[in-house]
PDB file of all heavy atoms in Angstrom:
ATOM      1  N   ALA A   1      15.584  12.782   2.918  1.00  0.00           N
ATOM      2  CA  ALA A   1      16.273  13.179   4.140  1.00  0.00           C
ATOM      3  C   ALA A   1      17.745  13.461   3.833  1.00  0.00           C
ATOM      4  O   ALA A   1      18.332  12.867   2.900  1.00  0.00           O
ATOM      5  CB  ALA A   1      16.173  12.064   5.195  1.00  0.00           C
ATOM      6  N   PRO A   2      18.380  14.381   4.579  1.00  0.00           N
ATOM      7  CA  PRO A   2      19.793  14.725   4.286  1.00  0.00           C
ATOM      8  C   PRO A   2      20.753  13.589   4.526  1.00  0.00           C
ATOM      9  O   PRO A   2      21.854  13.586   3.976  1.00  0.00           O
ATOM     10  CB  PRO A   2      20.054  15.911   5.213  1.00  0.00           C
ATOM     11  CG  PRO A   2      19.034  15.790   6.312  1.00  0.00           C
ATOM     12  CD  PRO A   2      17.823  15.190   5.678  1.00  0.00           C
ATOM     13  N   GLU A   3      20.366  12.623   5.330  1.00  0.00           N
ATOM     14  CA  GLU A   3      21.211  11.448   5.596  1.00  0.00           C
ATOM     15  C   GLU A   3      20.354  10.198   5.616  1.00  0.00           C
ATOM     16  O   GLU A   3      19.159  10.267   5.902  1.00  0.00           O
ATOM     17  CB  GLU A   3      21.945  11.597   6.949  1.00  0.00           C
ATOM     18  CG  GLU A   3      22.891  12.806   7.004  1.00  0.00           C
ATOM     19  CD  GLU A   3      23.460  12.998   8.406  1.00  0.00           C
ATOM     20  OE1 GLU A   3      22.762  12.617   9.379  1.00  0.00           O
ATOM     21  OE2 GLU A   3      24.564  13.501   8.523  1.00  0.00           O
ATOM     22  N   LYS A   4      20.962   9.039   5.315  1.00  0.00           N
ATOM     23  CA  LYS A   4      20.245   7.777   5.341  1.00  0.00           C
ATOM     24  C   LYS A   4      20.352   7.173   6.743  1.00  0.00           C
ATOM     25  O   LYS A   4      21.434   6.924   7.254  1.00  0.00           O
ATOM     26  CB  LYS A   4      20.849   6.790   4.323  1.00  0.00           C
ATOM     27  CG  LYS A   4      20.833   7.277   2.894  1.00  0.00           C
ATOM     28  CD  LYS A   4      19.434   7.410   2.346  1.00  0.00           C
ATOM     29  CE  LYS A   4      19.454   7.761   0.878  1.00  0.00           C
ATOM     30  NZ  LYS A   4      18.124   8.031   0.328  1.00  0.00           N
ATOM     31  N   TRP A   5      19.197   6.919   7.356  1.00  0.00           N
ATOM     32  CA  TRP A   5      19.136   6.320   8.684  1.00  0.00           C
ATOM     33  C   TRP A   5      18.353   5.000   8.593  1.00  0.00           C
ATOM     34  O   TRP A   5      17.226   4.965   8.092  1.00  0.00           O
ATOM     35  CB  TRP A   5      18.465   7.266   9.664  1.00  0.00           C
ATOM     36  CG  TRP A   5      19.255   8.507   9.920  1.00  0.00           C
ATOM     37  CD1 TRP A   5      20.625   8.659   9.898  1.00  0.00           C
ATOM     38  CD2 TRP A   5      18.726   9.809  10.227  1.00  0.00           C
ATOM     39  NE1 TRP A   5      20.976   9.958  10.171  1.00  0.00           N
ATOM     40  CE2 TRP A   5      19.842  10.683  10.392  1.00  0.00           C
ATOM     41  CE3 TRP A   5      17.444  10.319  10.396  1.00  0.00           C
ATOM     42  CZ2 TRP A   5      19.690  12.021  10.707  1.00  0.00           C
ATOM     43  CZ3 TRP A   5      17.290  11.645  10.709  1.00  0.00           C
ATOM     44  CH2 TRP A   5      18.398  12.488  10.863  1.00  0.00           C
ATOM     45  N   LYS A   6      18.966   3.937   9.099  1.00  0.00           N
ATOM     46  CA  LYS A   6      18.386   2.617   8.962  1.00  0.00           C
ATOM     47  C   LYS A   6      17.048   2.479   9.699  1.00  0.00           C
ATOM     48  O   LYS A   6      16.099   1.917   9.145  1.00  0.00           O
ATOM     49  CB  LYS A   6      19.362   1.558   9.493  1.00  0.00           C
ATOM     50  CG  LYS A   6      18.916   0.121   9.302  1.00  0.00           C
ATOM     51  CD  LYS A   6      19.966  -0.853   9.785  1.00  0.00           C
ATOM     52  CE  LYS A   6      19.602  -2.292   9.448  1.00  0.00           C
ATOM     53  NZ  LYS A   6      18.320  -2.724  10.028  1.00  0.00           N
ATOM     54  N   TYR A   7      16.985   2.986  10.905  1.00  0.00           N
ATOM     55  CA  TYR A   7      15.766   2.761  11.704  1.00  0.00           C
ATOM     56  C   TYR A   7      14.507   3.286  11.033  1.00  0.00           C
ATOM     57  O   TYR A   7      13.542   2.552  10.833  1.00  0.00           O
ATOM     58  CB  TYR A   7      15.913   3.348  13.122  1.00  0.00           C
ATOM     59  CG  TYR A   7      14.642   3.249  13.913  1.00  0.00           C
ATOM     60  CD1 TYR A   7      14.262   2.029  14.481  1.00  0.00           C
ATOM     61  CD2 TYR A   7      13.800   4.339  14.061  1.00  0.00           C
ATOM     62  CE1 TYR A   7      13.071   1.915  15.188  1.00  0.00           C
ATOM     63  CE2 TYR A   7      12.609   4.237  14.767  1.00  0.00           C
ATOM     64  CZ  TYR A   7      12.248   3.034  15.333  1.00  0.00           C
ATOM     65  OH  TYR A   7      11.067   2.909  16.013  1.00  0.00           O
ATOM     66  N   PRO A   8      14.441   4.572  10.638  1.00  0.00           N
ATOM     67  CA  PRO A   8      13.199   5.048  10.021  1.00  0.00           C
ATOM     68  C   PRO A   8      12.933   4.430   8.658  1.00  0.00           C
ATOM     69  O   PRO A   8      11.773   4.190   8.304  1.00  0.00           O
ATOM     70  CB  PRO A   8      13.391   6.576   9.922  1.00  0.00           C
ATOM     71  CG  PRO A   8      14.865   6.776   9.995  1.00  0.00           C
ATOM     72  CD  PRO A   8      15.384   5.683  10.867  1.00  0.00           C
ATOM     73  N   ILE A   9      13.994   4.148   7.887  1.00  0.00           N
ATOM     74  CA  ILE A   9      13.764   3.502   6.582  1.00  0.00           C
ATOM     75  C   ILE A   9      13.177   2.114   6.779  1.00  0.00           C
ATOM     76  O   ILE A   9      12.204   1.720   6.108  1.00  0.00           O
ATOM     77  CB  ILE A   9      15.068   3.450   5.767  1.00  0.00           C
ATOM     78  CG1 ILE A   9      15.456   4.876   5.323  1.00  0.00           C
ATOM     79  CG2 ILE A   9      14.897   2.542   4.559  1.00  0.00           C
ATOM     80  CD1 ILE A   9      16.803   4.949   4.628  1.00  0.00           C
ATOM     81  N   ASP A  10      13.729   1.336   7.716  1.00  0.00           N
ATOM     82  CA  ASP A  10      13.198  -0.004   7.983  1.00  0.00           C
ATOM     83  C   ASP A  10      11.764   0.068   8.484  1.00  0.00           C
ATOM     84  O   ASP A  10      10.885  -0.706   8.066  1.00  0.00           O
ATOM     85  CB  ASP A  10      14.060  -0.735   9.004  1.00  0.00           C
ATOM     86  CG  ASP A  10      15.351  -1.276   8.417  1.00  0.00           C
ATOM     87  OD1 ASP A  10      15.517  -1.194   7.177  1.00  0.00           O
ATOM     88  OD2 ASP A  10      16.191  -1.754   9.189  1.00  0.00           O
ATOM     89  N   ARG A  11      11.515   0.986   9.390  1.00  0.00           N
ATOM     90  CA  ARG A  11      10.180   1.099   9.987  1.00  0.00           C
ATOM     91  C   ARG A  11       9.117   1.426   8.930  1.00  0.00           C
ATOM     92  O   ARG A  11       8.066   0.791   8.855  1.00  0.00           O
ATOM     93  CB  ARG A  11      10.182   2.163  11.065  1.00  0.00           C
ATOM     94  CG  ARG A  11       8.812   2.417  11.709  1.00  0.00           C
ATOM     95  CD  ARG A  11       8.921   3.461  12.811  1.00  0.00           C
ATOM     96  NE  ARG A  11       7.611   3.792  13.354  1.00  0.00           N
ATOM     97  CZ  ARG A  11       6.969   3.101  14.293  1.00  0.00           C
ATOM     98  NH1 ARG A  11       7.532   2.025  14.786  1.00  0.00           N
ATOM     99  NH2 ARG A  11       5.793   3.481  14.737  1.00  0.00           N
ATOM    100  N   PHE A  12       9.404   2.425   8.082  1.00  0.00           N
ATOM    101  CA  PHE A  12       8.407   2.855   7.115  1.00  0.00           C
ATOM    102  C   PHE A  12       8.372   1.964   5.892  1.00  0.00           C
ATOM    103  O   PHE A  12       7.334   1.855   5.215  1.00  0.00           O
ATOM    104  CB  PHE A  12       8.639   4.315   6.741  1.00  0.00           C
ATOM    105  CG  PHE A  12       8.313   5.263   7.866  1.00  0.00           C
ATOM    106  CD1 PHE A  12       9.294   6.032   8.458  1.00  0.00           C
ATOM    107  CD2 PHE A  12       7.008   5.354   8.351  1.00  0.00           C
ATOM    108  CE1 PHE A  12       8.993   6.903   9.500  1.00  0.00           C
ATOM    109  CE2 PHE A  12       6.693   6.208   9.397  1.00  0.00           C
ATOM    110  CZ  PHE A  12       7.694   6.980   9.976  1.00  0.00           C
ATOM    111  N   ALA A  13       9.481   1.274   5.569  1.00  0.00           N
ATOM    112  CA  ALA A  13       9.451   0.282   4.501  1.00  0.00           C
ATOM    113  C   ALA A  13       8.518  -0.878   4.902  1.00  0.00           C
ATOM    114  O   ALA A  13       7.731  -1.362   4.077  1.00  0.00           O
ATOM    115  CB  ALA A  13      10.840  -0.238   4.192  1.00  0.00           C
ATOM    116  N   MET A  14       8.608  -1.303   6.154  1.00  0.00           N
ATOM    117  CA  MET A  14       7.743  -2.360   6.641  1.00  0.00           C
ATOM    118  C   MET A  14       6.272  -1.922   6.527  1.00  0.00           C
ATOM    119  O   MET A  14       5.418  -2.704   6.056  1.00  0.00           O
ATOM    120  CB  MET A  14       8.083  -2.697   8.094  1.00  0.00           C
ATOM    121  CG  MET A  14       7.171  -3.753   8.706  1.00  0.00           C
ATOM    122  SD  MET A  14       7.583  -4.124  10.426  1.00  0.00           S
ATOM    123  CE  MET A  14       7.198  -2.548  11.219  1.00  0.00           C
ATOM    124  N   GLU A  15       5.961  -0.717   6.938  1.00  0.00           N
ATOM    125  CA  GLU A  15       4.586  -0.261   6.892  1.00  0.00           C
ATOM    126  C   GLU A  15       4.104  -0.093   5.457  1.00  0.00           C
ATOM    127  O   GLU A  15       2.954  -0.433   5.135  1.00  0.00           O
ATOM    128  CB  GLU A  15       4.448   1.061   7.648  1.00  0.00           C
ATOM    129  CG  GLU A  15       3.079   1.737   7.535  1.00  0.00           C
ATOM    130  CD  GLU A  15       1.928   0.910   8.068  1.00  0.00           C
ATOM    131  OE1 GLU A  15       2.160  -0.125   8.756  1.00  0.00           O
ATOM    132  OE2 GLU A  15       0.766   1.274   7.786  1.00  0.00           O
ATOM    133  N   THR A  16       4.962   0.392   4.566  1.00  0.00           N
ATOM    134  CA  THR A  16       4.564   0.549   3.171  1.00  0.00           C
ATOM    135  C   THR A  16       4.267  -0.799   2.541  1.00  0.00           C
ATOM    136  O   THR A  16       3.284  -0.957   1.793  1.00  0.00           O
ATOM    137  CB  THR A  16       5.665   1.276   2.378  1.00  0.00           C
ATOM    138  OG1 THR A  16       5.854   2.586   2.934  1.00  0.00           O
ATOM    139  CG2 THR A  16       5.292   1.408   0.918  1.00  0.00           C
ATOM    140  N   LYS A  17       5.094  -1.814   2.817  1.00  0.00           N
ATOM    141  CA  LYS A  17       4.838  -3.131   2.281  1.00  0.00           C
ATOM    142  C   LYS A  17       3.555  -3.716   2.873  1.00  0.00           C
ATOM    143  O   LYS A  17       2.800  -4.410   2.169  1.00  0.00           O
ATOM    144  CB  LYS A  17       6.032  -4.057   2.557  1.00  0.00           C
ATOM    145  CG  LYS A  17       7.242  -3.742   1.669  1.00  0.00           C
ATOM    146  CD  LYS A  17       8.406  -4.674   1.913  1.00  0.00           C
ATOM    147  CE  LYS A  17       8.135  -6.084   1.428  1.00  0.00           C
ATOM    148  NZ  LYS A  17       8.031  -6.171  -0.054  1.00  0.00           N
ATOM    149  N   ARG A  18       3.273  -3.444   4.110  1.00  0.00           N
ATOM    150  CA  ARG A  18       1.997  -3.913   4.699  1.00  0.00           C
ATOM    151  C   ARG A  18       0.821  -3.272   3.967  1.00  0.00           C
ATOM    152  O   ARG A  18      -0.175  -3.933   3.650  1.00  0.00           O
ATOM    153  CB  ARG A  18       1.950  -3.546   6.181  1.00  0.00           C
ATOM    154  CG  ARG A  18       0.753  -4.166   6.921  1.00  0.00           C
ATOM    155  CD  ARG A  18       0.557  -3.539   8.284  1.00  0.00           C
ATOM    156  NE  ARG A  18       0.109  -2.159   8.174  1.00  0.00           N
ATOM    157  CZ  ARG A  18      -1.181  -1.815   7.939  1.00  0.00           C
ATOM    158  NH1 ARG A  18      -2.107  -2.759   7.808  1.00  0.00           N
ATOM    159  NH2 ARG A  18      -1.511  -0.552   7.852  1.00  0.00           N
ATOM    160  N   GLN A  19       0.916  -1.975   3.673  1.00  0.00           N
ATOM    161  CA  GLN A  19      -0.161  -1.301   2.967  1.00  0.00           C
ATOM    162  C   GLN A  19      -0.328  -1.845   1.550  1.00  0.00           C
ATOM    163  O   GLN A  19      -1.462  -2.031   1.070  1.00  0.00           O
ATOM    164  CB  GLN A  19       0.121   0.199   2.920  1.00  0.00           C
ATOM    165  CG  GLN A  19       0.051   0.879   4.272  1.00  0.00           C
ATOM    166  CD  GLN A  19       0.469   2.336   4.224  1.00  0.00           C
ATOM    167  OE1 GLN A  19       0.777   2.875   3.165  1.00  0.00           O
ATOM    168  NE2 GLN A  19       0.507   2.975   5.373  1.00  0.00           N
ATOM    169  N   LEU A  20       0.780  -2.137   0.875  1.00  0.00           N
ATOM    170  CA  LEU A  20       0.679  -2.743  -0.457  1.00  0.00           C
ATOM    171  C   LEU A  20      -0.001  -4.113  -0.369  1.00  0.00           C
ATOM    172  O   LEU A  20      -0.772  -4.487  -1.265  1.00  0.00           O
ATOM    173  CB  LEU A  20       2.073  -2.879  -1.070  1.00  0.00           C
ATOM    174  CG  LEU A  20       2.712  -1.595  -1.571  1.00  0.00           C
ATOM    175  CD1 LEU A  20       4.195  -1.812  -1.876  1.00  0.00           C
ATOM    176  CD2 LEU A  20       1.996  -1.063  -2.816  1.00  0.00           C
ATOM    177  N   ASP A  21       0.263  -4.841   0.699  1.00  0.00           N
ATOM    178  CA  ASP A  21      -0.377  -6.135   0.871  1.00  0.00           C
ATOM    179  C   ASP A  21      -1.872  -5.980   1.119  1.00  0.00           C
ATOM    180  O   ASP A  21      -2.697  -6.775   0.656  1.00  0.00           O
ATOM    181  CB  ASP A  21       0.294  -6.889   2.020  1.00  0.00           C
ATOM    182  CG  ASP A  21      -0.089  -8.364   2.058  1.00  0.00           C
ATOM    183  OD1 ASP A  21      -0.209  -8.969   0.984  1.00  0.00           O
ATOM    184  OD2 ASP A  21      -0.310  -8.886   3.164  1.00  0.00           O
ATOM    185  N   VAL A  22      -2.255  -4.953   1.873  1.00  0.00           N
ATOM    186  CA  VAL A  22      -3.683  -4.644   2.079  1.00  0.00           C
ATOM    187  C   VAL A  22      -4.362  -4.460   0.731  1.00  0.00           C
ATOM    188  O   VAL A  22      -5.421  -5.026   0.455  1.00  0.00           O
ATOM    189  CB  VAL A  22      -3.854  -3.397   2.957  1.00  0.00           C
ATOM    190  CG1 VAL A  22      -5.306  -2.926   2.947  1.00  0.00           C
ATOM    191  CG2 VAL A  22      -3.422  -3.670   4.397  1.00  0.00           C
ATOM    192  N   LEU A  23      -3.761  -3.630  -0.121  1.00  0.00           N
ATOM    193  CA  LEU A  23      -4.340  -3.375  -1.449  1.00  0.00           C
ATOM    194  C   LEU A  23      -4.334  -4.632  -2.321  1.00  0.00           C
ATOM    195  O   LEU A  23      -5.316  -4.899  -3.046  1.00  0.00           O
ATOM    196  CB  LEU A  23      -3.562  -2.264  -2.152  1.00  0.00           C
ATOM    197  CG  LEU A  23      -3.688  -0.862  -1.554  1.00  0.00           C
ATOM    198  CD1 LEU A  23      -2.767   0.110  -2.300  1.00  0.00           C
ATOM    199  CD2 LEU A  23      -5.134  -0.362  -1.615  1.00  0.00           C
ATOM    200  N   ASP A  24      -3.256  -5.397  -2.269  1.00  0.00           N
ATOM    201  CA  ASP A  24      -3.159  -6.593  -3.084  1.00  0.00           C
ATOM    202  C   ASP A  24      -4.253  -7.582  -2.733  1.00  0.00           C
ATOM    203  O   ASP A  24      -4.860  -8.207  -3.630  1.00  0.00           O
ATOM    204  CB  ASP A  24      -1.785  -7.225  -2.908  1.00  0.00           C
ATOM    205  CG  ASP A  24      -1.395  -8.091  -4.098  1.00  0.00           C
ATOM    206  OD1 ASP A  24      -1.292  -7.542  -5.195  1.00  0.00           O
ATOM    207  OD2 ASP A  24      -1.196  -9.301  -3.897  1.00  0.00           O
ATOM    208  N   ARG A  25      -4.528  -7.742  -1.464  1.00  0.00           N
ATOM    209  CA  ARG A  25      -5.602  -8.646  -1.030  1.00  0.00           C
ATOM    210  C   ARG A  25      -6.970  -8.110  -1.430  1.00  0.00           C
ATOM    211  O   ARG A  25      -7.859  -8.880  -1.837  1.00  0.00           O
ATOM    212  CB  ARG A  25      -5.532  -8.862   0.490  1.00  0.00           C
ATOM    213  CG  ARG A  25      -4.296  -9.638   0.940  1.00  0.00           C
ATOM    214  CD  ARG A  25      -4.115  -9.566   2.435  1.00  0.00           C
ATOM    215  NE  ARG A  25      -2.860 -10.165   2.876  1.00  0.00           N
ATOM    216  CZ  ARG A  25      -2.711 -11.439   3.272  1.00  0.00           C
ATOM    217  NH1 ARG A  25      -3.766 -12.239   3.276  1.00  0.00           N
ATOM    218  NH2 ARG A  25      -1.528 -11.888   3.643  1.00  0.00           N
ATOM    219  N   GLN A  26      -7.141  -6.787  -1.337  1.00  0.00           N
ATOM    220  CA  GLN A  26      -8.434  -6.190  -1.728  1.00  0.00           C
ATOM    221  C   GLN A  26      -8.689  -6.386  -3.224  1.00  0.00           C
ATOM    222  O   GLN A  26      -9.831  -6.581  -3.640  1.00  0.00           O
ATOM    223  CB  GLN A  26      -8.434  -4.698  -1.378  1.00  0.00           C
ATOM    224  CG  GLN A  26      -9.660  -3.935  -1.817  1.00  0.00           C
ATOM    225  CD  GLN A  26     -10.924  -4.317  -1.078  1.00  0.00           C
ATOM    226  OE1 GLN A  26     -10.884  -5.109  -0.118  1.00  0.00           O
ATOM    227  NE2 GLN A  26     -12.059  -3.778  -1.502  1.00  0.00           N
ATOM    228  N   LEU A  27      -7.643  -6.321  -4.022  1.00  0.00           N
ATOM    229  CA  LEU A  27      -7.802  -6.412  -5.482  1.00  0.00           C
ATOM    230  C   LEU A  27      -7.762  -7.858  -5.986  1.00  0.00           C
ATOM    231  O   LEU A  27      -7.862  -8.080  -7.193  1.00  0.00           O
ATOM    232  CB  LEU A  27      -6.701  -5.598  -6.148  1.00  0.00           C
ATOM    233  CG  LEU A  27      -6.835  -4.076  -6.026  1.00  0.00           C
ATOM    234  CD1 LEU A  27      -5.528  -3.383  -6.362  1.00  0.00           C
ATOM    235  CD2 LEU A  27      -7.976  -3.562  -6.901  1.00  0.00           C
ATOM    236  N   ALA A  28      -7.673  -8.814  -5.109  1.00  0.00           N
ATOM    237  CA  ALA A  28      -7.575 -10.208  -5.536  1.00  0.00           C
ATOM    238  C   ALA A  28      -8.847 -10.705  -6.220  1.00  0.00           C
ATOM    239  O   ALA A  28      -8.778 -11.565  -7.111  1.00  0.00           O
ATOM    240  CB  ALA A  28      -7.256 -11.101  -4.339  1.00  0.00           C
ATOM    241  N   ASP A  29     -10.000 -10.170  -5.833  1.00  0.00           N
ATOM    242  CA  ASP A  29     -11.260 -10.687  -6.382  1.00  0.00           C
ATOM    243  C   ASP A  29     -12.212  -9.568  -6.831  1.00  0.00           C
ATOM    244  O   ASP A  29     -13.417  -9.751  -6.848  1.00  0.00           O
ATOM    245  CB  ASP A  29     -11.964 -11.584  -5.350  1.00  0.00           C
ATOM    246  CG  ASP A  29     -12.241 -10.859  -4.040  1.00  0.00           C
ATOM    247  OD1 ASP A  29     -11.866  -9.675  -3.904  1.00  0.00           O
ATOM    248  OD2 ASP A  29     -12.836 -11.495  -3.144  1.00  0.00           O
ATOM    249  N   ARG A  30     -11.648  -8.419  -7.164  1.00  0.00           N
ATOM    250  CA  ARG A  30     -12.463  -7.312  -7.677  1.00  0.00           C
ATOM    251  C   ARG A  30     -11.603  -6.464  -8.602  1.00  0.00           C
ATOM    252  O   ARG A  30     -10.391  -6.343  -8.405  1.00  0.00           O
ATOM    253  CB  ARG A  30     -13.036  -6.483  -6.530  1.00  0.00           C
ATOM    254  CG  ARG A  30     -11.995  -6.038  -5.505  1.00  0.00           C
ATOM    255  CD  ARG A  30     -12.593  -5.286  -4.325  1.00  0.00           C
ATOM    256  NE  ARG A  30     -13.552  -6.058  -3.600  1.00  0.00           N
ATOM    257  CZ  ARG A  30     -13.251  -6.972  -2.686  1.00  0.00           C
ATOM    258  NH1 ARG A  30     -11.982  -7.259  -2.424  1.00  0.00           N
ATOM    259  NH2 ARG A  30     -14.185  -7.612  -2.033  1.00  0.00           N
ATOM    260  N   PRO A  31     -12.199  -5.833  -9.617  1.00  0.00           N
ATOM    261  CA  PRO A  31     -11.411  -5.074 -10.591  1.00  0.00           C
ATOM    262  C   PRO A  31     -10.946  -3.710 -10.104  1.00  0.00           C
ATOM    263  O   PRO A  31      -9.931  -3.196 -10.603  1.00  0.00           O
ATOM    264  CB  PRO A  31     -12.360  -4.936 -11.786  1.00  0.00           C
ATOM    265  CG  PRO A  31     -13.731  -5.013 -11.191  1.00  0.00           C
ATOM    266  CD  PRO A  31     -13.616  -5.966 -10.029  1.00  0.00           C
ATOM    267  N   TYR A  32     -11.681  -3.154  -9.146  1.00  0.00           N
ATOM    268  CA  TYR A  32     -11.322  -1.833  -8.655  1.00  0.00           C
ATOM    269  C   TYR A  32     -11.318  -1.849  -7.124  1.00  0.00           C
ATOM    270  O   TYR A  32     -11.849  -2.777  -6.496  1.00  0.00           O
ATOM    271  CB  TYR A  32     -12.316  -0.775  -9.174  1.00  0.00           C
ATOM    272  CG  TYR A  32     -12.270  -0.643 -10.679  1.00  0.00           C
ATOM    273  CD1 TYR A  32     -13.287  -1.177 -11.462  1.00  0.00           C
ATOM    274  CD2 TYR A  32     -11.204  -0.019 -11.311  1.00  0.00           C
ATOM    275  CE1 TYR A  32     -13.260  -1.079 -12.851  1.00  0.00           C
ATOM    276  CE2 TYR A  32     -11.156   0.088 -12.697  1.00  0.00           C
ATOM    277  CZ  TYR A  32     -12.173  -0.450 -13.460  1.00  0.00           C
ATOM    278  OH  TYR A  32     -12.125  -0.360 -14.821  1.00  0.00           O
ATOM    279  N   ILE A  33     -10.740  -0.840  -6.549  1.00  0.00           N
ATOM    280  CA  ILE A  33     -10.549  -0.823  -5.095  1.00  0.00           C
ATOM    281  C   ILE A  33     -11.864  -0.976  -4.340  1.00  0.00           C
ATOM    282  O   ILE A  33     -11.964  -1.738  -3.379  1.00  0.00           O
ATOM    283  CB  ILE A  33      -9.859   0.484  -4.664  1.00  0.00           C
ATOM    284  CG1 ILE A  33      -8.443   0.591  -5.261  1.00  0.00           C
ATOM    285  CG2 ILE A  33      -9.813   0.619  -3.139  1.00  0.00           C
ATOM    286  CD1 ILE A  33      -7.483  -0.435  -4.722  1.00  0.00           C
ATOM    287  N   GLY A  34     -12.892  -0.246  -4.765  1.00  0.00           N
ATOM    288  CA  GLY A  34     -14.167  -0.290  -4.052  1.00  0.00           C
ATOM    289  C   GLY A  34     -15.094  -1.405  -4.463  1.00  0.00           C
ATOM    290  O   GLY A  34     -16.122  -1.614  -3.831  1.00  0.00           O
ATOM    291  N   GLY A  35     -14.770  -2.094  -5.560  1.00  0.00           N
ATOM    292  CA  GLY A  35     -15.653  -3.146  -6.031  1.00  0.00           C
ATOM    293  C   GLY A  35     -15.627  -3.266  -7.537  1.00  0.00           C
ATOM    294  O   GLY A  35     -14.571  -3.321  -8.150  1.00  0.00           O
ATOM    295  N   ASP A  36     -16.821  -3.267  -8.159  1.00  0.00           N
ATOM    296  CA  ASP A  36     -16.929  -3.488  -9.582  1.00  0.00           C
ATOM    297  C   ASP A  36     -16.779  -2.214 -10.412  1.00  0.00           C
ATOM    298  O   ASP A  36     -16.576  -2.315 -11.632  1.00  0.00           O
ATOM    299  CB  ASP A  36     -18.285  -4.121  -9.909  1.00  0.00           C
ATOM    300  CG  ASP A  36     -18.421  -5.538  -9.364  1.00  0.00           C
ATOM    301  OD1 ASP A  36     -17.380  -6.222  -9.266  1.00  0.00           O
ATOM    302  OD2 ASP A  36     -19.541  -5.952  -9.051  1.00  0.00           O
ATOM    303  N   GLU A  37     -16.893  -1.043  -9.788  1.00  0.00           N
ATOM    304  CA  GLU A  37     -16.895   0.204 -10.537  1.00  0.00           C
ATOM    305  C   GLU A  37     -15.703   1.078 -10.158  1.00  0.00           C
ATOM    306  O   GLU A  37     -15.304   1.166  -8.977  1.00  0.00           O
ATOM    307  CB  GLU A  37     -18.182   0.976 -10.270  1.00  0.00           C
ATOM    308  CG  GLU A  37     -19.465   0.238 -10.651  1.00  0.00           C
ATOM    309  CD  GLU A  37     -19.586  -0.005 -12.131  1.00  0.00           C
ATOM    310  OE1 GLU A  37     -19.049   0.817 -12.906  1.00  0.00           O
ATOM    311  OE2 GLU A  37     -20.195  -1.021 -12.521  1.00  0.00           O
ATOM    312  N   TYR A  38     -15.149   1.711 -11.153  1.00  0.00           N
ATOM    313  CA  TYR A  38     -14.088   2.727 -10.974  1.00  0.00           C
ATOM    314  C   TYR A  38     -14.663   3.894 -10.166  1.00  0.00           C
ATOM    315  O   TYR A  38     -15.776   4.357 -10.415  1.00  0.00           O
ATOM    316  CB  TYR A  38     -13.656   3.180 -12.356  1.00  0.00           C
ATOM    317  CG  TYR A  38     -12.597   4.251 -12.430  1.00  0.00           C
ATOM    318  CD1 TYR A  38     -11.299   4.024 -12.004  1.00  0.00           C
ATOM    319  CD2 TYR A  38     -12.891   5.490 -13.003  1.00  0.00           C
ATOM    320  CE1 TYR A  38     -10.312   4.980 -12.143  1.00  0.00           C
ATOM    321  CE2 TYR A  38     -11.907   6.464 -13.147  1.00  0.00           C
ATOM    322  CZ  TYR A  38     -10.634   6.218 -12.697  1.00  0.00           C
ATOM    323  OH  TYR A  38      -9.652   7.178 -12.845  1.00  0.00           O
ATOM    324  N   SER A  39     -13.891   4.377  -9.191  1.00  0.00           N
ATOM    325  CA  SER A  39     -14.453   5.394  -8.284  1.00  0.00           C
ATOM    326  C   SER A  39     -13.363   6.325  -7.775  1.00  0.00           C
ATOM    327  O   SER A  39     -12.186   6.187  -8.096  1.00  0.00           O
ATOM    328  CB  SER A  39     -15.114   4.699  -7.082  1.00  0.00           C
ATOM    329  OG  SER A  39     -14.124   4.157  -6.202  1.00  0.00           O
ATOM    330  N   ILE A  40     -13.786   7.265  -6.929  1.00  0.00           N
ATOM    331  CA  ILE A  40     -12.823   8.180  -6.334  1.00  0.00           C
ATOM    332  C   ILE A  40     -11.839   7.458  -5.432  1.00  0.00           C
ATOM    333  O   ILE A  40     -10.770   8.006  -5.142  1.00  0.00           O
ATOM    334  CB  ILE A  40     -13.517   9.346  -5.570  1.00  0.00           C
ATOM    335  CG1 ILE A  40     -14.449   8.815  -4.470  1.00  0.00           C
ATOM    336  CG2 ILE A  40     -14.265  10.254  -6.515  1.00  0.00           C
ATOM    337  CD1 ILE A  40     -15.017   9.900  -3.576  1.00  0.00           C
ATOM    338  N   ALA A  41     -12.144   6.250  -5.015  1.00  0.00           N
ATOM    339  CA  ALA A  41     -11.153   5.467  -4.245  1.00  0.00           C
ATOM    340  C   ALA A  41      -9.959   5.152  -5.124  1.00  0.00           C
ATOM    341  O   ALA A  41      -8.809   5.297  -4.711  1.00  0.00           O
ATOM    342  CB  ALA A  41     -11.789   4.200  -3.697  1.00  0.00           C
ATOM    343  N   ASP A  42     -10.225   4.704  -6.349  1.00  0.00           N
ATOM    344  CA  ASP A  42      -9.116   4.433  -7.297  1.00  0.00           C
ATOM    345  C   ASP A  42      -8.368   5.701  -7.645  1.00  0.00           C
ATOM    346  O   ASP A  42      -7.133   5.722  -7.711  1.00  0.00           O
ATOM    347  CB  ASP A  42      -9.677   3.807  -8.572  1.00  0.00           C
ATOM    348  CG  ASP A  42     -10.441   2.522  -8.328  1.00  0.00           C
ATOM    349  OD1 ASP A  42      -9.776   1.482  -8.121  1.00  0.00           O
ATOM    350  OD2 ASP A  42     -11.675   2.558  -8.304  1.00  0.00           O
TER     351      ASP A  42
END
């Protein structure tokens, strides 16, 4: 963006960290996103 604005950066940083947490929890007990096999999800 041409200028730094706190509101959208905070809003989307929060959502990005939530998404990373979704993935982190999914990968806690499986080697790949969909399960045991590497796939188009990865």
